[in-house]
């Protein structure tokens, strides 16, 4: 596993009857790999992990393994409520072919620091798969901050943190505290260029589902320090990237995929399809991005 590059958080495509569309999901994985991403993550928040049954999750991982076919690393989101269920899921996903885990905090309980450390220690001991900590305190109200991560530094399987606190200063704080002990990934689309300037090694991206080649281009230019050349593209795409930080990011990113290349945009309840002015606003942003990219050539 090389912890660098663009790792799209893959959306789980759904059929008209509500079932998981494994063929469409596999096709979307093949599309992003063909456009240069460095890894893929199935069953992230964007993949509606918590809304799927365990059988559906396992089917997605198996289909993804076949679609990836060893071309890039395959990571699997792990989102559970209890510690025992999380440990069991880690072992299951390894058996199905996942090469790494992106581990959420407990979905049913807001853990304090001691409990958060115990949670990640338990999952880290459940298998030998490398772990990316999913740190999104805005959504899950649990912050794996510098003091918390310090208590996990001796867990060999924890190797990466997806930084999604929204505070760009956190990137530098992590490097000052730990050096290169952990890979640091940007976890939101509209902070990637800023995060690259501060030294992140990777990007867990939502809108890469819709625009993989453009997102890879932004990442590679930023990693090379070619900020002046890439700013026009970044500025053009930032309104769409802002959609990745909204509570309805699943609907927005699926809509972008639908408008860009025809993927199904269905979501699973309790999420509902976009409607009315909300849909018009999101569609206008996405269509303007499509038109702007065409103008840039």
Protein backbone atom coordinates (compact mmCIF):
# COMPACT_ATOMS: atom_id res chain seq x y z
CA UNK A 1 0.00 0.00 0.00
CA UNK A 2 1.35 3.38 -1.02
CA UNK A 3 -0.47 6.09 0.91
CA UNK A 4 -0.36 8.80 -1.69
CA UNK A 5 -2.52 10.06 -4.53
CA UNK A 6 -6.23 10.47 -5.19
CA UNK A 7 -8.51 7.88 -3.56
CA UNK A 8 -12.13 8.51 -4.62
CA UNK A 9 -14.83 7.61 -2.12
CA UNK A 10 -16.96 5.52 -4.45
CA UNK A 11 -20.73 5.98 -4.49
CA UNK A 12 -22.85 2.84 -4.33
CA UNK A 13 -25.14 2.77 -7.34
CA UNK A 14 -28.73 1.64 -6.86
CA UNK A 15 -31.32 0.05 -9.15
CA UNK A 16 -34.85 1.29 -9.72
CA UNK A 17 -36.14 -1.36 -7.29
CA UNK A 18 -33.79 -0.07 -4.56
CA UNK A 19 -31.29 -2.89 -4.77
CA UNK A 20 -27.56 -2.37 -5.13
CA UNK A 21 -26.46 -2.07 -8.76
CA UNK A 22 -23.18 -3.94 -8.63
CA UNK A 23 -22.56 -3.65 -12.36
CA UNK A 24 -22.92 0.15 -12.35
CA UNK A 25 -20.78 0.42 -9.23
CA UNK A 26 -18.07 -1.73 -10.81
CA UNK A 27 -18.23 0.34 -14.02
CA UNK A 28 -17.70 3.54 -12.02
CA UNK A 29 -14.67 1.99 -10.32
CA UNK A 30 -13.19 1.01 -13.67
CA UNK A 31 -13.80 4.54 -14.95
CA UNK A 32 -11.89 6.29 -12.16
CA UNK A 33 -9.00 3.83 -12.38
CA UNK A 34 -8.78 4.39 -16.13
CA UNK A 35 -8.49 8.11 -15.40
CA UNK A 36 -5.49 7.78 -13.14
CA UNK A 37 -6.58 7.52 -9.50
CA UNK A 38 -4.16 5.88 -7.08
CA UNK A 39 -6.68 3.85 -5.07
CA UNK A 40 -10.41 3.41 -4.45
CA UNK A 41 -12.50 3.34 -1.29
CA UNK A 42 -15.81 1.51 -1.30
CA UNK A 43 -18.45 1.79 1.44
CA UNK A 44 -17.51 5.31 2.55
CA UNK A 45 -20.13 7.78 3.77
CA UNK A 46 -20.70 8.52 0.09
CA UNK A 47 -21.31 4.82 -0.45
CA UNK A 48 -24.28 4.97 1.94
CA UNK A 49 -22.55 2.39 4.13
CA UNK A 50 -24.89 2.75 7.09
CA UNK A 51 -27.97 2.32 4.86
CA UNK A 52 -26.84 -1.02 3.43
CA UNK A 53 -27.31 -4.48 4.90
CA UNK A 54 -24.20 -6.46 5.79
CA UNK A 55 -24.89 -8.81 2.87
CA UNK A 56 -25.01 -5.83 0.52
CA UNK A 57 -21.76 -4.45 1.92
CA UNK A 58 -20.03 -7.77 1.37
CA UNK A 59 -21.36 -7.95 -2.18
CA UNK A 60 -20.01 -4.45 -2.90
CA UNK A 61 -16.55 -5.36 -1.62
CA UNK A 62 -16.47 -8.56 -3.66
CA UNK A 63 -17.60 -6.77 -6.82
CA UNK A 64 -15.07 -4.02 -6.22
CA UNK A 65 -12.25 -6.52 -5.82
CA UNK A 66 -13.09 -7.98 -9.22
CA UNK A 67 -13.40 -4.53 -10.81
CA UNK A 68 -10.11 -3.28 -9.36
CA UNK A 69 -8.32 -6.48 -10.39
CA UNK A 70 -5.16 -5.53 -8.55
CA UNK A 71 -4.60 -2.30 -10.51
CA UNK A 72 -4.74 -0.01 -7.45
CA UNK A 73 -5.22 -0.57 -3.71
CA UNK A 74 -8.79 -1.32 -2.59
CA UNK A 75 -9.88 0.18 0.71
CA UNK A 76 -13.17 -0.47 2.45
CA UNK A 77 -15.07 1.83 4.76
CA UNK A 78 -15.88 0.31 8.13
CA UNK A 79 -18.86 1.90 9.88
CA UNK A 80 -20.36 0.02 12.81
CA UNK A 81 -22.01 0.71 16.14
CA UNK A 82 -20.36 -1.73 18.51
CA UNK A 83 -16.72 -2.63 18.99
CA UNK A 84 -17.38 -6.34 18.46
CA UNK A 85 -19.20 -5.66 15.19
CA UNK A 86 -16.37 -3.41 14.01
CA UNK A 87 -13.73 -6.05 14.75
CA UNK A 88 -15.80 -8.71 12.98
CA UNK A 89 -16.27 -6.45 9.95
CA UNK A 90 -12.51 -5.85 9.76
CA UNK A 91 -11.89 -9.58 9.53
CA UNK A 92 -14.71 -10.05 7.00
CA UNK A 93 -13.51 -7.31 4.68
CA UNK A 94 -9.98 -8.69 4.74
CA UNK A 95 -11.31 -12.12 3.78
CA UNK A 96 -13.23 -10.54 0.88
CA UNK A 97 -10.11 -8.92 -0.53
CA UNK A 98 -9.92 -5.42 0.96
CA UNK A 99 -6.33 -4.21 1.29
CA UNK A 100 -7.02 -1.48 3.82
CA UNK A 101 -9.76 -0.04 5.99
CA UNK A 102 -11.13 3.47 6.43
CA UNK A 103 -12.53 3.25 9.94
CA UNK A 104 -15.32 5.52 11.19
CA UNK A 105 -15.92 6.18 14.88
CA UNK A 106 -18.87 4.37 16.43
CA UNK A 107 -22.02 5.40 14.59
CA UNK A 108 -24.37 5.07 17.57
CA UNK A 109 -22.48 6.68 20.43
CA UNK A 110 -20.39 9.82 20.81
CA UNK A 111 -17.22 8.44 22.35
CA UNK A 112 -14.93 10.51 24.55
CA UNK A 113 -11.16 10.40 24.08
CA UNK A 114 -10.58 7.29 26.20
CA UNK A 115 -13.37 5.44 24.41
CA UNK A 116 -12.24 6.64 20.98
CA UNK A 117 -8.72 5.35 21.64
CA UNK A 118 -10.11 2.00 22.82
CA UNK A 119 -12.32 1.78 19.70
CA UNK A 120 -9.47 2.27 17.26
CA UNK A 121 -7.14 0.02 19.24
CA UNK A 122 -9.69 -2.79 19.07
CA UNK A 123 -10.23 -2.45 15.33
CA UNK A 124 -6.48 -2.13 14.81
CA UNK A 125 -5.94 -5.43 16.59
CA UNK A 126 -8.72 -7.26 14.74
CA UNK A 127 -6.72 -7.78 11.54
CA UNK A 128 -3.41 -6.88 10.00
CA UNK A 129 -5.00 -4.56 7.41
CA UNK A 130 -3.65 -1.00 7.44
CA UNK A 131 -6.13 1.55 8.77
CA UNK A 132 -7.01 5.08 7.75
CA UNK A 133 -8.80 6.88 10.57
CA UNK A 134 -11.86 8.71 9.27
CA UNK A 135 -11.75 11.97 11.21
CA UNK A 136 -14.90 13.97 10.51
CA UNK A 137 -15.91 15.66 13.77
CA UNK A 138 -18.37 17.91 11.94
CA UNK A 139 -20.53 14.94 10.95
CA UNK A 140 -19.79 12.43 13.73
CA UNK A 141 -18.93 14.73 16.68
CA UNK A 142 -15.83 12.69 17.52
CA UNK A 143 -12.49 14.39 16.89
CA UNK A 144 -9.33 12.33 16.57
CA UNK A 145 -7.20 15.34 17.37
CA UNK A 146 -3.47 15.47 18.07
CA UNK A 147 -3.70 14.28 21.72
CA UNK A 148 -6.03 11.43 20.74
CA UNK A 149 -3.82 10.32 17.87
CA UNK A 150 -0.79 10.44 20.17
CA UNK A 151 -2.37 7.66 22.22
CA UNK A 152 -2.67 5.55 19.05
CA UNK A 153 0.84 6.09 17.74
CA UNK A 154 2.00 2.68 18.98
CA UNK A 155 -0.73 0.81 17.01
CA UNK A 156 1.18 -0.40 13.98
CA UNK A 157 -1.88 -1.02 11.84
CA UNK A 158 -3.02 2.62 12.12
CA UNK A 159 -1.04 4.32 9.37
CA UNK A 160 -3.13 7.18 7.98
CA UNK A 161 -5.64 9.83 8.99
CA UNK A 162 -8.28 11.34 6.74
CA UNK A 163 -8.33 14.91 8.03
CA UNK A 164 -11.78 16.43 7.71
CA UNK A 165 -12.02 18.75 10.70
CA UNK A 166 -12.37 21.77 8.41
CA UNK A 167 -9.45 23.47 10.15
CA UNK A 168 -6.57 23.68 7.67
CA UNK A 169 -4.18 24.36 10.56
CA UNK A 170 -4.66 20.78 11.72
CA UNK A 171 -2.46 19.49 8.87
CA UNK A 172 0.58 21.34 10.16
CA UNK A 173 -0.23 20.42 13.76
CA UNK A 174 -0.24 16.73 12.79
CA UNK A 175 3.12 16.95 11.05
CA UNK A 176 4.63 18.94 13.92
CA UNK A 177 3.42 16.33 16.40
CA UNK A 178 4.17 13.13 14.50
CA UNK A 179 6.49 13.85 11.59
CA UNK A 180 5.96 11.10 9.04
CA UNK A 181 4.49 8.57 11.49
CA UNK A 182 1.06 8.93 9.86
CA UNK A 183 0.13 9.64 6.26
CA UNK A 184 -2.21 12.63 6.20
CA UNK A 185 -4.98 12.73 3.60
CA UNK A 186 -7.20 15.68 2.80
CA UNK A 187 -10.80 14.58 3.35
CA UNK A 188 -12.75 17.41 1.70
CA UNK A 189 -12.68 18.49 -1.92
CA UNK A 190 -12.61 22.25 -1.37
CA UNK A 191 -9.43 22.20 0.74
CA UNK A 192 -7.22 20.01 -1.43
CA UNK A 193 -4.95 22.64 -2.93
CA UNK A 194 -4.52 24.32 0.44
CA UNK A 195 -3.79 20.93 2.05
CA UNK A 196 -1.23 20.03 -0.62
CA UNK A 197 0.58 23.27 0.09
CA UNK A 198 0.94 22.06 3.69
CA UNK A 199 2.20 18.61 2.72
CA UNK A 200 -0.66 16.09 2.66
CA UNK A 201 0.15 12.92 0.78
CA UNK A 202 -3.30 11.97 -0.44
CA UNK A 203 -6.89 13.00 -1.07
CA UNK A 204 -10.09 11.12 -0.27
CA UNK A 205 -12.33 12.82 -2.79
CA UNK A 206 -16.03 12.86 -3.57
CA UNK A 207 -16.23 14.76 -6.84
CA UNK A 208 -13.52 12.56 -8.33
CA UNK A 209 -16.44 10.19 -8.97
CA UNK A 210 -17.66 12.69 -11.57
CA UNK A 211 -14.40 14.25 -12.76
CA UNK A 212 -11.53 11.82 -12.12
CA UNK A 213 -9.06 13.13 -14.71
CA UNK A 214 -9.48 16.74 -13.61
CA UNK A 215 -9.12 15.87 -9.92
CA UNK A 216 -5.99 13.84 -10.57
CA UNK A 217 -4.61 16.77 -12.54
CA UNK A 218 -5.25 19.15 -9.62
CA UNK A 219 -3.61 16.77 -7.16
CA UNK A 220 -0.53 16.13 -9.26
CA UNK A 221 0.01 19.83 -9.96
CA UNK A 222 -0.42 20.72 -6.32
CA UNK A 223 1.91 17.98 -5.18
CA UNK A 224 4.52 19.28 -7.64
CA UNK A 225 4.05 22.82 -6.29
CA UNK A 226 2.72 24.13 -9.59
CA UNK A 227 0.03 26.19 -7.89
CA UNK A 228 -0.09 29.12 -10.30
CA UNK A 229 -0.79 26.88 -13.27
CA UNK A 230 -3.52 24.86 -11.58
CA UNK A 231 -5.40 27.66 -9.78
CA UNK A 232 -7.72 28.43 -12.74
CA UNK A 233 -8.93 24.82 -12.82
CA UNK A 234 -9.24 24.66 -9.03
CA UNK A 235 -11.20 27.90 -8.92
CA UNK A 236 -13.50 26.70 -11.68
CA UNK A 237 -14.25 23.45 -9.84
CA UNK A 238 -14.49 24.84 -6.31
CA UNK A 239 -18.24 25.63 -6.44
CA UNK A 240 -18.83 21.96 -7.27
CA UNK A 241 -16.27 20.94 -4.65
CA UNK A 242 -18.27 22.90 -2.05
CA UNK A 243 -21.11 20.41 -2.63
CA UNK A 244 -18.84 17.72 -1.11
CA UNK A 245 -19.08 19.43 2.29
CA UNK A 246 -22.88 19.64 2.50
CA UNK A 247 -25.05 17.23 4.46
CA UNK A 248 -26.57 16.14 1.11
CA UNK A 249 -23.21 15.39 -0.47
CA UNK A 250 -24.40 11.91 -1.46
CA UNK A 251 -27.27 13.30 -3.51
CA UNK A 252 -25.11 16.09 -4.96
CA UNK A 253 -22.25 13.87 -6.04
CA UNK A 254 -24.58 11.24 -7.49
CA UNK A 255 -26.30 14.03 -9.42
CA UNK A 256 -22.92 15.17 -10.74
CA UNK A 257 -22.12 11.63 -11.86
CA UNK A 258 -25.50 11.41 -13.55
CA UNK A 259 -25.07 14.67 -15.43
CA UNK A 260 -21.44 14.03 -16.40
CA UNK A 261 -21.62 10.44 -17.56
CA UNK A 262 -25.11 9.06 -17.02
CA UNK A 263 -24.68 7.07 -13.80
CA UNK A 264 -27.84 6.36 -11.79
CA UNK A 265 -28.45 9.00 -9.12
CA UNK A 266 -30.82 7.02 -6.88
CA UNK A 267 -30.26 7.14 -3.11
CA UNK A 268 -31.56 5.01 -0.29
CA UNK A 269 -33.99 6.29 2.34
CA UNK A 270 -33.90 8.09 4.66
CA UNK A 271 -32.11 10.11 1.97
CA UNK A 272 -34.54 11.40 -0.64
CA UNK A 273 -33.92 12.55 -4.21
CA UNK A 274 -33.18 16.21 -4.72
CA UNK A 275 -36.22 18.27 -5.67
CA UNK A 276 -37.37 21.80 -6.33
CA UNK A 277 -35.08 24.78 -5.88
CA UNK A 278 -32.45 22.68 -4.14
CA UNK A 279 -32.07 20.47 -7.18
CA UNK A 280 -32.07 23.46 -9.54
CA UNK A 281 -29.28 25.11 -7.56
CA UNK A 282 -27.09 22.00 -7.49
CA UNK A 283 -27.73 21.23 -11.14
CA UNK A 284 -26.83 24.79 -12.11
CA UNK A 285 -23.49 24.52 -10.30
CA UNK A 286 -22.71 21.19 -11.91
CA UNK A 287 -23.70 22.29 -15.41
CA UNK A 288 -21.64 25.45 -15.11
CA UNK A 289 -18.67 23.31 -14.10
CA UNK A 290 -19.21 21.10 -17.15
CA UNK A 291 -19.40 24.15 -19.40
CA UNK A 292 -16.36 25.75 -17.79
CA UNK A 293 -14.30 22.62 -18.27
CA UNK A 294 -15.30 22.57 -21.92
CA UNK A 295 -14.13 26.16 -22.28
CA UNK A 296 -10.78 25.31 -20.68
CA UNK A 297 -10.39 22.43 -23.10
